[in-house]
Amino acid sequence: MSIPFQNGRIDHLAGPPFLPVSVDVLRLDLVHPVVSGNKWFKLKRYLQEAEQQSRKTLLTFGGAYSNHIVATAAAAQMHGLKSIGIIRGEEPAAWSHTLQAAKGFGMELFFVSREDYRQKRIPHEVFFHHKQKDVYVIAEGGYGEKGAEGAAEILKGFDTTSYSHIVTAVGTGTTLAGLVNASQPHQQVIGIPVLKGAHSLQQEIESLLPEEKKAAFQLLHDYHFGGYAKHSPELLHFMNEAFQQYLLPTDFVYTAKALFAVFDLAKKEFFQPSEKVLFVHTGGLQGNASLPKGTLIFGT
């Protein structure tokens, strides 16, 4: 069974006189309500291989607010597979909406220490209930060549040749690598890391690229707003403004930070007036459910 999804669309956001440069958004948040944005693209090649190998269970890694965890749980259920999530850190007293949603899709959750998570150790008890030969392991965030190959299809079906810059949020860098591989020679792909001090991303992304593409992207590390899943009143205000002005919902973990960066860079004349920017909305709106009710003027 395949996941029913749509291609999304490109919306015009801003340009003169609002900003000195034209900004459009590729609405991947419309692809699927759960396996949204870039998640479907990153997972599709792994799902294909798991089914080809007759694996019965998907196992992956993520934090308490990981969109990838929820997307994997939902995708597994849709394909008639079981799923296991290895979650970073001790089990919290109150589970995040993300963890609750993953469990609702049938995912079995195991909480491990940060050191065990860093080493990607799989708890022994996982294999008390699952045969190792039946388990297909997907790296955190879908990182890897197959994830990048799937992400390269994000731009497929759209004419994006007129854009000088393609901008997106960055977690593991898998989506960015896919966009770089699919980009044109005249285009620069810009990634906005949402983790603080994630300077190892440069090498990790380059490892997924051919030599001739390694200079086709740039990471800007100043828009993490304190780190992963951190936010500020300024960011939340920006999210409400973006929705009020453009009817564009964003999430505080990834897409709001990247879109804020686009507008801030435009105001600082990072882009030339003749250039066009495509912002890739990677979905993941479910993370907003962890915010206090009434914080945002739109739902998830």
C-alpha atoms as a PDB file:
ATOM      1  CA  MET A   1       0.000   0.000   0.000  1.00  0.00           C
ATOM      2  CA  SER A   2       1.458   3.357  -0.978  1.00  0.00           C
ATOM      3  CA  ILE A   3       0.894   6.650   0.802  1.00  0.00           C
ATOM      4  CA  PRO A   4      -1.591   8.926  -0.990  1.00  0.00           C
ATOM      5  CA  PHE A   5       0.086  12.285  -1.370  1.00  0.00           C
ATOM      6  CA  GLN A   6      -0.096  15.437  -3.409  1.00  0.00           C
ATOM      7  CA  ASN A   7       2.713  17.420  -4.974  1.00  0.00           C
ATOM      8  CA  GLY A   8       2.030  20.600  -3.063  1.00  0.00           C
ATOM      9  CA  ARG A   9       2.266  23.924  -4.858  1.00  0.00           C
ATOM     10  CA  ILE A  10       4.339  27.076  -5.174  1.00  0.00           C
ATOM     11  CA  ASP A  11       2.866  30.229  -3.596  1.00  0.00           C
ATOM     12  CA  HIS A  12       4.157  33.752  -4.062  1.00  0.00           C
ATOM     13  CA  LEU A  13       4.970  35.286  -0.677  1.00  0.00           C
ATOM     14  CA  ALA A  14       6.614  38.638  -1.093  1.00  0.00           C
ATOM     15  CA  GLY A  15       8.594  40.990  -3.209  1.00  0.00           C
ATOM     16  CA  PRO A  16       8.766  44.732  -3.809  1.00  0.00           C
ATOM     17  CA  PRO A  17       7.578  46.842  -2.058  1.00  0.00           C
ATOM     18  CA  PHE A  18       7.419  44.467   0.941  1.00  0.00           C
ATOM     19  CA  LEU A  19      10.899  43.042   0.442  1.00  0.00           C
ATOM     20  CA  PRO A  20      13.712  43.968  -1.956  1.00  0.00           C
ATOM     21  CA  VAL A  21      13.657  40.459  -3.437  1.00  0.00           C
ATOM     22  CA  SER A  22      10.988  38.064  -4.723  1.00  0.00           C
ATOM     23  CA  VAL A  23      10.241  35.178  -2.322  1.00  0.00           C
ATOM     24  CA  ASP A  24       8.119  32.130  -3.176  1.00  0.00           C
ATOM     25  CA  VAL A  25       7.350  29.082  -1.057  1.00  0.00           C
ATOM     26  CA  LEU A  26       7.162  25.444  -2.133  1.00  0.00           C
ATOM     27  CA  ARG A  27       4.297  24.140   0.010  1.00  0.00           C
ATOM     28  CA  LEU A  28       5.423  20.616   0.866  1.00  0.00           C
ATOM     29  CA  ASP A  29       3.360  20.906   4.045  1.00  0.00           C
ATOM     30  CA  LEU A  30       0.401  20.070   1.770  1.00  0.00           C
ATOM     31  CA  VAL A  31       1.864  16.733   0.634  1.00  0.00           C
ATOM     32  CA  HIS A  32       0.281  14.679   3.442  1.00  0.00           C
ATOM     33  CA  PRO A  33      -1.225  15.593   6.844  1.00  0.00           C
ATOM     34  CA  VAL A  34       1.224  13.394   8.799  1.00  0.00           C
ATOM     35  CA  VAL A  35       3.989  12.181   6.491  1.00  0.00           C
ATOM     36  CA  SER A  36       4.299  15.790   5.458  1.00  0.00           C
ATOM     37  CA  GLY A  37       6.839  17.927   3.691  1.00  0.00           C
ATOM     38  CA  ASN A  38      10.200  16.325   3.131  1.00  0.00           C
ATOM     39  CA  LYS A  39       9.472  13.239   5.257  1.00  0.00           C
ATOM     40  CA  TRP A  40       7.705  11.247   2.551  1.00  0.00           C
ATOM     41  CA  PHE A  41      10.494  11.941   0.070  1.00  0.00           C
ATOM     42  CA  LYS A  42      13.213  10.915   2.525  1.00  0.00           C
ATOM     43  CA  LEU A  43      11.409   7.736   3.559  1.00  0.00           C
ATOM     44  CA  LYS A  44      10.200   6.404   0.207  1.00  0.00           C
ATOM     45  CA  ARG A  45      13.445   4.679  -0.909  1.00  0.00           C
ATOM     46  CA  TYR A  46      13.884   3.091   2.538  1.00  0.00           C
ATOM     47  CA  LEU A  47      10.297   1.804   2.484  1.00  0.00           C
ATOM     48  CA  GLN A  48      10.852   0.321  -0.955  1.00  0.00           C
ATOM     49  CA  GLU A  49      14.004  -1.494   0.173  1.00  0.00           C
ATOM     50  CA  ALA A  50      12.381  -2.730   3.390  1.00  0.00           C
ATOM     51  CA  GLU A  51       9.543  -4.252   1.397  1.00  0.00           C
ATOM     52  CA  GLN A  52      11.940  -5.738  -1.172  1.00  0.00           C
ATOM     53  CA  GLN A  53      13.828  -7.407   1.691  1.00  0.00           C
ATOM     54  CA  SER A  54      10.567  -8.612   3.293  1.00  0.00           C
ATOM     55  CA  ARG A  55      11.304  -6.750   6.517  1.00  0.00           C
ATOM     56  CA  LYS A  56       8.368  -6.501   8.932  1.00  0.00           C
ATOM     57  CA  THR A  57       9.516  -3.674  11.204  1.00  0.00           C
ATOM     58  CA  LEU A  58      11.030  -0.227  10.717  1.00  0.00           C
ATOM     59  CA  LEU A  59      13.381   1.022  13.438  1.00  0.00           C
ATOM     60  CA  THR A  60      14.599   4.593  13.605  1.00  0.00           C
ATOM     61  CA  PHE A  61      15.949   7.262  15.944  1.00  0.00           C
ATOM     62  CA  GLY A  62      14.808  10.690  17.078  1.00  0.00           C
ATOM     63  CA  GLY A  63      14.123  13.142  19.872  1.00  0.00           C
ATOM     64  CA  ALA A  64      10.909  13.876  21.731  1.00  0.00           C
ATOM     65  CA  TYR A  65       9.870  16.441  19.085  1.00  0.00           C
ATOM     66  CA  SER A  66      11.062  14.561  16.000  1.00  0.00           C
ATOM     67  CA  ASN A  67       8.811  14.907  12.955  1.00  0.00           C
ATOM     68  CA  HIS A  68      10.735  11.991  11.490  1.00  0.00           C
ATOM     69  CA  ILE A  69       9.601   9.725  14.335  1.00  0.00           C
ATOM     70  CA  VAL A  70       5.921  10.488  13.730  1.00  0.00           C
ATOM     71  CA  ALA A  71       6.278  10.259   9.948  1.00  0.00           C
ATOM     72  CA  THR A  72       8.015   6.868  10.181  1.00  0.00           C
ATOM     73  CA  ALA A  73       5.347   5.546  12.539  1.00  0.00           C
ATOM     74  CA  ALA A  74       2.553   6.673  10.215  1.00  0.00           C
ATOM     75  CA  ALA A  75       4.291   5.430   7.057  1.00  0.00           C
ATOM     76  CA  ALA A  76       4.941   2.039   8.647  1.00  0.00           C
ATOM     77  CA  GLN A  77       1.301   1.679   9.664  1.00  0.00           C
ATOM     78  CA  MET A  78       0.133   2.620   6.150  1.00  0.00           C
ATOM     79  CA  HIS A  79       2.416  -0.044   4.675  1.00  0.00           C
ATOM     80  CA  GLY A  80       1.337  -2.736   7.125  1.00  0.00           C
ATOM     81  CA  LEU A  81       4.653  -2.669   8.975  1.00  0.00           C
ATOM     82  CA  LYS A  82       5.488  -2.432  12.662  1.00  0.00           C
ATOM     83  CA  SER A  83       7.695   0.410  13.901  1.00  0.00           C
ATOM     84  CA  ILE A  84      10.170   1.066  16.698  1.00  0.00           C
ATOM     85  CA  GLY A  85      11.457   4.447  17.828  1.00  0.00           C
ATOM     86  CA  ILE A  86      14.682   4.856  19.793  1.00  0.00           C
ATOM     87  CA  ILE A  87      14.170   8.138  21.649  1.00  0.00           C
ATOM     88  CA  ARG A  88      17.001  10.348  22.905  1.00  0.00           C
ATOM     89  CA  GLY A  89      17.052  10.884  26.686  1.00  0.00           C
ATOM     90  CA  GLU A  90      15.166   9.558  29.691  1.00  0.00           C
ATOM     91  CA  GLU A  91      11.436   9.016  29.441  1.00  0.00           C
ATOM     92  CA  PRO A  92       9.730  12.310  30.376  1.00  0.00           C
ATOM     93  CA  ALA A  93       7.004  12.464  32.998  1.00  0.00           C
ATOM     94  CA  ALA A  94       4.706  13.959  30.364  1.00  0.00           C
ATOM     95  CA  TRP A  95       5.112  12.770  26.805  1.00  0.00           C
ATOM     96  CA  SER A  96       5.262  15.348  24.048  1.00  0.00           C
ATOM     97  CA  HIS A  97       2.456  15.460  21.489  1.00  0.00           C
ATOM     98  CA  THR A  98       4.978  14.010  19.027  1.00  0.00           C
ATOM     99  CA  LEU A  99       5.591  10.905  21.136  1.00  0.00           C
ATOM    100  CA  GLN A 100       1.879  10.464  21.810  1.00  0.00           C
ATOM    101  CA  ALA A 101       1.156  10.682  18.087  1.00  0.00           C
ATOM    102  CA  ALA A 102       3.874   8.140  17.257  1.00  0.00           C
ATOM    103  CA  LYS A 103       2.489   5.714  19.819  1.00  0.00           C
ATOM    104  CA  GLY A 104      -0.975   6.281  18.356  1.00  0.00           C
ATOM    105  CA  PHE A 105       0.354   5.052  15.013  1.00  0.00           C
ATOM    106  CA  GLY A 106       1.545   1.872  16.718  1.00  0.00           C
ATOM    107  CA  MET A 107       5.201   2.762  17.254  1.00  0.00           C
ATOM    108  CA  GLU A 108       6.956   1.004  20.121  1.00  0.00           C
ATOM    109  CA  LEU A 109       9.120   3.563  21.937  1.00  0.00           C
ATOM    110  CA  PHE A 110      12.379   2.923  23.788  1.00  0.00           C
ATOM    111  CA  PHE A 111      14.088   5.719  25.736  1.00  0.00           C
ATOM    112  CA  VAL A 112      17.890   5.597  25.954  1.00  0.00           C
ATOM    113  CA  SER A 113      20.598   7.715  27.550  1.00  0.00           C
ATOM    114  CA  ARG A 114      22.114  10.483  25.467  1.00  0.00           C
ATOM    115  CA  GLU A 115      25.391   8.568  25.278  1.00  0.00           C
ATOM    116  CA  ASP A 116      23.693   5.387  24.070  1.00  0.00           C
ATOM    117  CA  TYR A 117      21.743   7.501  21.603  1.00  0.00           C
ATOM    118  CA  ARG A 118      24.902   9.180  20.347  1.00  0.00           C
ATOM    119  CA  GLN A 119      26.395   5.722  19.735  1.00  0.00           C
ATOM    120  CA  LYS A 120      23.065   4.608  18.183  1.00  0.00           C
ATOM    121  CA  ARG A 121      22.952   1.578  20.459  1.00  0.00           C
ATOM    122  CA  ILE A 122      19.777  -0.453  20.103  1.00  0.00           C
ATOM    123  CA  PRO A 123      18.482  -1.727  23.490  1.00  0.00           C
ATOM    124  CA  HIS A 124      18.662  -5.505  23.914  1.00  0.00           C
ATOM    125  CA  GLU A 125      14.978  -5.663  24.833  1.00  0.00           C
ATOM    126  CA  VAL A 126      14.058  -4.582  21.299  1.00  0.00           C
ATOM    127  CA  PHE A 127      14.944  -8.037  20.053  1.00  0.00           C
ATOM    128  CA  PHE A 128      12.958  -9.818  22.771  1.00  0.00           C
ATOM    129  CA  HIS A 129       9.857  -9.125  20.694  1.00  0.00           C
ATOM    130  CA  HIS A 130      11.325  -8.653  17.205  1.00  0.00           C
ATOM    131  CA  LYS A 131      13.569 -10.939  15.193  1.00  0.00           C
ATOM    132  CA  GLN A 132      16.678  -9.029  14.155  1.00  0.00           C
ATOM    133  CA  LYS A 133      16.367 -10.232  10.555  1.00  0.00           C
ATOM    134  CA  ASP A 134      12.890  -8.663  10.382  1.00  0.00           C
ATOM    135  CA  VAL A 135      14.048  -5.198  11.479  1.00  0.00           C
ATOM    136  CA  TYR A 136      14.998  -2.548   8.909  1.00  0.00           C
ATOM    137  CA  VAL A 137      17.022   0.310  10.422  1.00  0.00           C
ATOM    138  CA  ILE A 138      16.623   3.887   9.169  1.00  0.00           C
ATOM    139  CA  ALA A 139      19.080   6.502  10.419  1.00  0.00           C
ATOM    140  CA  GLU A 140      17.958   9.566  12.369  1.00  0.00           C
ATOM    141  CA  GLY A 141      16.064  11.962  10.106  1.00  0.00           C
ATOM    142  CA  GLY A 142      16.356   9.528   7.213  1.00  0.00           C
ATOM    143  CA  TYR A 143      20.014  10.483   6.804  1.00  0.00           C
ATOM    144  CA  GLY A 144      21.832   8.550   4.102  1.00  0.00           C
ATOM    145  CA  GLU A 145      22.141   8.147   0.353  1.00  0.00           C
ATOM    146  CA  LYS A 146      18.648   6.722  -0.080  1.00  0.00           C
ATOM    147  CA  GLY A 147      17.162   9.585   1.924  1.00  0.00           C
ATOM    148  CA  ALA A 148      19.022  12.129  -0.198  1.00  0.00           C
ATOM    149  CA  GLU A 149      17.977  10.340  -3.400  1.00  0.00           C
ATOM    150  CA  GLY A 150      14.347  10.599  -2.367  1.00  0.00           C
ATOM    151  CA  ALA A 151      14.742  14.242  -1.353  1.00  0.00           C
ATOM    152  CA  ALA A 152      16.167  15.034  -4.789  1.00  0.00           C
ATOM    153  CA  GLU A 153      12.659  14.387  -6.143  1.00  0.00           C
ATOM    154  CA  ILE A 154      11.218  17.311  -4.146  1.00  0.00           C
ATOM    155  CA  LEU A 155      11.746  19.734  -7.028  1.00  0.00           C
ATOM    156  CA  LYS A 156      10.432  17.245  -9.596  1.00  0.00           C
ATOM    157  CA  GLY A 157       7.237  18.416 -11.239  1.00  0.00           C
ATOM    158  CA  PHE A 158       7.950  22.111 -10.716  1.00  0.00           C
ATOM    159  CA  ASP A 159       9.722  24.599 -12.941  1.00  0.00           C
ATOM    160  CA  THR A 160      12.248  26.074 -10.511  1.00  0.00           C
ATOM    161  CA  THR A 161      14.844  27.233 -13.034  1.00  0.00           C
ATOM    162  CA  SER A 162      14.102  30.930 -12.455  1.00  0.00           C
ATOM    163  CA  TYR A 163      15.204  30.822  -8.813  1.00  0.00           C
ATOM    164  CA  SER A 164      18.701  31.944  -7.871  1.00  0.00           C
ATOM    165  CA  HIS A 165      18.489  30.600  -4.306  1.00  0.00           C
ATOM    166  CA  ILE A 166      16.729  27.653  -2.683  1.00  0.00           C
ATOM    167  CA  VAL A 167      16.398  27.872   1.109  1.00  0.00           C
ATOM    168  CA  THR A 168      15.295  25.258   3.622  1.00  0.00           C
ATOM    169  CA  ALA A 169      15.595  24.292   7.275  1.00  0.00           C
ATOM    170  CA  VAL A 170      18.269  21.743   8.165  1.00  0.00           C
ATOM    171  CA  GLY A 171      18.177  18.937  10.714  1.00  0.00           C
ATOM    172  CA  THR A 172      20.398  16.068   9.549  1.00  0.00           C
ATOM    173  CA  GLY A 173      21.084  17.708   6.181  1.00  0.00           C
ATOM    174  CA  THR A 174      19.540  14.890   4.144  1.00  0.00           C
ATOM    175  CA  THR A 175      16.926  17.101   2.500  1.00  0.00           C
ATOM    176  CA  LEU A 176      19.491  19.780   1.778  1.00  0.00           C
ATOM    177  CA  ALA A 177      21.732  17.221   0.072  1.00  0.00           C
ATOM    178  CA  GLY A 178      18.821  16.119  -2.095  1.00  0.00           C
ATOM    179  CA  LEU A 179      18.018  19.710  -3.060  1.00  0.00           C
ATOM    180  CA  VAL A 180      21.663  20.388  -3.902  1.00  0.00           C
ATOM    181  CA  ASN A 181      21.797  17.321  -6.136  1.00  0.00           C
ATOM    182  CA  ALA A 182      18.626  18.459  -7.918  1.00  0.00           C
ATOM    183  CA  SER A 183      19.659  22.126  -8.210  1.00  0.00           C
ATOM    184  CA  GLN A 184      20.792  23.884 -11.388  1.00  0.00           C
ATOM    185  CA  PRO A 185      24.378  25.153 -11.857  1.00  0.00           C
ATOM    186  CA  HIS A 186      23.265  28.788 -11.428  1.00  0.00           C
ATOM    187  CA  GLN A 187      21.509  28.102  -8.116  1.00  0.00           C
ATOM    188  CA  GLN A 188      22.813  28.347  -4.569  1.00  0.00           C
ATOM    189  CA  VAL A 189      21.138  26.181  -1.929  1.00  0.00           C
ATOM    190  CA  ILE A 190      21.073  27.692   1.558  1.00  0.00           C
ATOM    191  CA  GLY A 191      20.467  25.628   4.687  1.00  0.00           C
ATOM    192  CA  ILE A 192      19.334  27.032   8.034  1.00  0.00           C
ATOM    193  CA  PRO A 193      20.435  24.598  10.779  1.00  0.00           C
ATOM    194  CA  VAL A 194      17.968  24.427  13.677  1.00  0.00           C
ATOM    195  CA  LEU A 195      20.526  22.924  16.043  1.00  0.00           C
ATOM    196  CA  LYS A 196      22.956  25.157  17.887  1.00  0.00           C
ATOM    197  CA  GLY A 197      26.615  24.670  16.967  1.00  0.00           C
ATOM    198  CA  ALA A 198      25.887  21.978  14.377  1.00  0.00           C
ATOM    199  CA  HIS A 199      29.092  22.623  12.454  1.00  0.00           C
ATOM    200  CA  SER A 200      29.626  18.922  11.685  1.00  0.00           C
ATOM    201  CA  LEU A 201      26.726  19.242   9.230  1.00  0.00           C
ATOM    202  CA  GLN A 202      29.016  20.645   6.555  1.00  0.00           C
ATOM    203  CA  GLN A 203      30.993  17.421   6.293  1.00  0.00           C
ATOM    204  CA  GLU A 204      27.928  15.204   6.741  1.00  0.00           C
ATOM    205  CA  ILE A 205      26.131  16.906   3.856  1.00  0.00           C
ATOM    206  CA  GLU A 206      29.219  16.886   1.647  1.00  0.00           C
ATOM    207  CA  SER A 207      29.506  13.125   2.140  1.00  0.00           C
ATOM    208  CA  LEU A 208      26.143  12.752   0.347  1.00  0.00           C
ATOM    209  CA  LEU A 209      27.225  14.896  -2.620  1.00  0.00           C
ATOM    210  CA  PRO A 210      29.410  14.327  -5.663  1.00  0.00           C
ATOM    211  CA  GLU A 211      32.599  16.402  -5.795  1.00  0.00           C
ATOM    212  CA  GLU A 212      31.207  18.908  -8.301  1.00  0.00           C
ATOM    213  CA  LYS A 213      28.249  19.743  -6.016  1.00  0.00           C
ATOM    214  CA  LYS A 214      30.091  20.305  -2.737  1.00  0.00           C
ATOM    215  CA  ALA A 215      30.385  24.055  -3.272  1.00  0.00           C
ATOM    216  CA  ALA A 216      26.742  24.492  -4.321  1.00  0.00           C
ATOM    217  CA  PHE A 217      25.379  25.033  -0.827  1.00  0.00           C
ATOM    218  CA  GLN A 218      25.898  27.259   2.192  1.00  0.00           C
ATOM    219  CA  LEU A 219      24.911  26.823   5.851  1.00  0.00           C
ATOM    220  CA  LEU A 220      23.934  29.847   7.937  1.00  0.00           C
ATOM    221  CA  HIS A 221      24.107  29.070  11.662  1.00  0.00           C
ATOM    222  CA  ASP A 222      22.657  32.248  13.193  1.00  0.00           C
ATOM    223  CA  TYR A 223      18.960  31.394  13.181  1.00  0.00           C
ATOM    224  CA  HIS A 224      18.604  28.494  15.637  1.00  0.00           C
ATOM    225  CA  PHE A 225      16.874  30.697  18.293  1.00  0.00           C
ATOM    226  CA  GLY A 226      18.727  28.970  21.125  1.00  0.00           C
ATOM    227  CA  GLY A 227      18.854  25.443  19.758  1.00  0.00           C
ATOM    228  CA  TYR A 228      16.679  22.542  18.719  1.00  0.00           C
ATOM    229  CA  ALA A 229      12.990  23.026  19.626  1.00  0.00           C
ATOM    230  CA  LYS A 230      13.856  26.343  21.295  1.00  0.00           C
ATOM    231  CA  HIS A 231      11.923  29.489  20.482  1.00  0.00           C
ATOM    232  CA  SER A 232      11.469  33.091  21.512  1.00  0.00           C
ATOM    233  CA  PRO A 233       8.577  35.579  21.618  1.00  0.00           C
ATOM    234  CA  GLU A 234      10.050  37.146  18.461  1.00  0.00           C
ATOM    235  CA  LEU A 235       9.829  33.861  16.578  1.00  0.00           C
ATOM    236  CA  LEU A 236       6.266  33.144  17.728  1.00  0.00           C
ATOM    237  CA  HIS A 237       5.227  36.672  16.748  1.00  0.00           C
ATOM    238  CA  PHE A 238       6.795  36.126  13.320  1.00  0.00           C
ATOM    239  CA  MET A 239       4.853  32.866  12.901  1.00  0.00           C
ATOM    240  CA  ASN A 240       1.564  34.626  13.607  1.00  0.00           C
ATOM    241  CA  GLU A 241       2.466  37.476  11.264  1.00  0.00           C
ATOM    242  CA  ALA A 242       3.369  35.064   8.462  1.00  0.00           C
ATOM    243  CA  PHE A 243       0.016  33.357   8.806  1.00  0.00           C
ATOM    244  CA  GLN A 244      -1.907  36.600   9.096  1.00  0.00           C
ATOM    245  CA  GLN A 245      -0.274  38.086   6.000  1.00  0.00           C
ATOM    246  CA  TYR A 246       0.175  35.019   3.778  1.00  0.00           C
ATOM    247  CA  LEU A 247      -2.016  32.297   5.336  1.00  0.00           C
ATOM    248  CA  LEU A 248       1.212  30.331   5.680  1.00  0.00           C
ATOM    249  CA  PRO A 249       1.445  28.060   8.742  1.00  0.00           C
ATOM    250  CA  THR A 250       4.954  27.253  10.010  1.00  0.00           C
ATOM    251  CA  ASP A 251       6.333  25.263  12.936  1.00  0.00           C
ATOM    252  CA  PHE A 252       8.626  26.618  15.639  1.00  0.00           C
ATOM    253  CA  VAL A 253      11.155  23.765  15.402  1.00  0.00           C
ATOM    254  CA  TYR A 254      12.104  24.038  11.718  1.00  0.00           C
ATOM    255  CA  THR A 255      10.213  26.055   9.149  1.00  0.00           C
ATOM    256  CA  ALA A 256       9.586  29.267  11.112  1.00  0.00           C
ATOM    257  CA  LYS A 257      13.309  29.624  11.789  1.00  0.00           C
ATOM    258  CA  ALA A 258      14.201  29.108   8.134  1.00  0.00           C
ATOM    259  CA  LEU A 259      11.512  31.504   6.884  1.00  0.00           C
ATOM    260  CA  PHE A 260      12.565  34.106   9.448  1.00  0.00           C
ATOM    261  CA  ALA A 261      16.088  33.760   8.059  1.00  0.00           C
ATOM    262  CA  VAL A 262      14.857  34.367   4.508  1.00  0.00           C
ATOM    263  CA  PHE A 263      13.107  37.604   5.479  1.00  0.00           C
ATOM    264  CA  ASP A 264      15.982  38.768   7.674  1.00  0.00           C
ATOM    265  CA  LEU A 265      18.565  38.063   4.963  1.00  0.00           C
ATOM    266  CA  ALA A 266      16.430  39.888   2.394  1.00  0.00           C
ATOM    267  CA  LYS A 267      16.233  42.947   4.621  1.00  0.00           C
ATOM    268  CA  LYS A 268      20.007  42.817   5.118  1.00  0.00           C
ATOM    269  CA  GLU A 269      20.487  42.736   1.303  1.00  0.00           C
ATOM    270  CA  PHE A 270      22.013  39.276   1.318  1.00  0.00           C
ATOM    271  CA  PHE A 271      20.151  38.734  -1.963  1.00  0.00           C
ATOM    272  CA  GLN A 272      20.407  41.005  -4.988  1.00  0.00           C
ATOM    273  CA  PRO A 273      17.201  42.809  -6.139  1.00  0.00           C
ATOM    274  CA  SER A 274      17.169  40.853  -9.402  1.00  0.00           C
ATOM    275  CA  GLU A 275      17.359  37.468  -7.652  1.00  0.00           C
ATOM    276  CA  LYS A 276      14.494  35.115  -6.804  1.00  0.00           C
ATOM    277  CA  VAL A 277      14.287  32.976  -3.676  1.00  0.00           C
ATOM    278  CA  LEU A 278      12.419  29.681  -3.302  1.00  0.00           C
ATOM    279  CA  PHE A 279      11.712  28.692   0.296  1.00  0.00           C
ATOM    280  CA  VAL A 280      11.040  24.960   0.687  1.00  0.00           C
ATOM    281  CA  HIS A 281       8.423  24.422   3.397  1.00  0.00           C
ATOM    282  CA  THR A 282       9.290  21.020   4.862  1.00  0.00           C
ATOM    283  CA  GLY A 283       6.044  20.528   6.801  1.00  0.00           C
ATOM    284  CA  GLY A 284       6.131  19.106  10.327  1.00  0.00           C
ATOM    285  CA  LEU A 285       3.380  21.319  11.707  1.00  0.00           C
ATOM    286  CA  GLN A 286       2.407  18.724  14.305  1.00  0.00           C
ATOM    287  CA  GLY A 287       5.222  19.994  16.537  1.00  0.00           C
ATOM    288  CA  ASN A 288       3.190  23.124  17.264  1.00  0.00           C
ATOM    289  CA  ALA A 289       0.771  21.054  19.351  1.00  0.00           C
ATOM    290  CA  SER A 290       3.290  21.174  22.209  1.00  0.00           C
ATOM    291  CA  LEU A 291       2.889  24.951  22.506  1.00  0.00           C
ATOM    292  CA  PRO A 292       0.402  26.370  25.047  1.00  0.00           C
ATOM    293  CA  LYS A 293      -3.093  26.712  23.648  1.00  0.00           C
ATOM    294  CA  GLY A 294      -3.662  30.136  22.126  1.00  0.00           C
ATOM    295  CA  THR A 295       0.010  30.812  21.388  1.00  0.00           C
ATOM    296  CA  LEU A 296      -0.611  30.671  17.650  1.00  0.00           C
ATOM    297  CA  ILE A 297      -3.533  32.061  15.687  1.00  0.00           C
ATOM    298  CA  PHE A 298      -3.629  28.939  13.510  1.00  0.00           C
ATOM    299  CA  GLY A 299      -3.841  25.219  14.222  1.00  0.00           C
ATOM    300  CA  THR A 300      -1.458  22.409  13.344  1.00  0.00           C
END
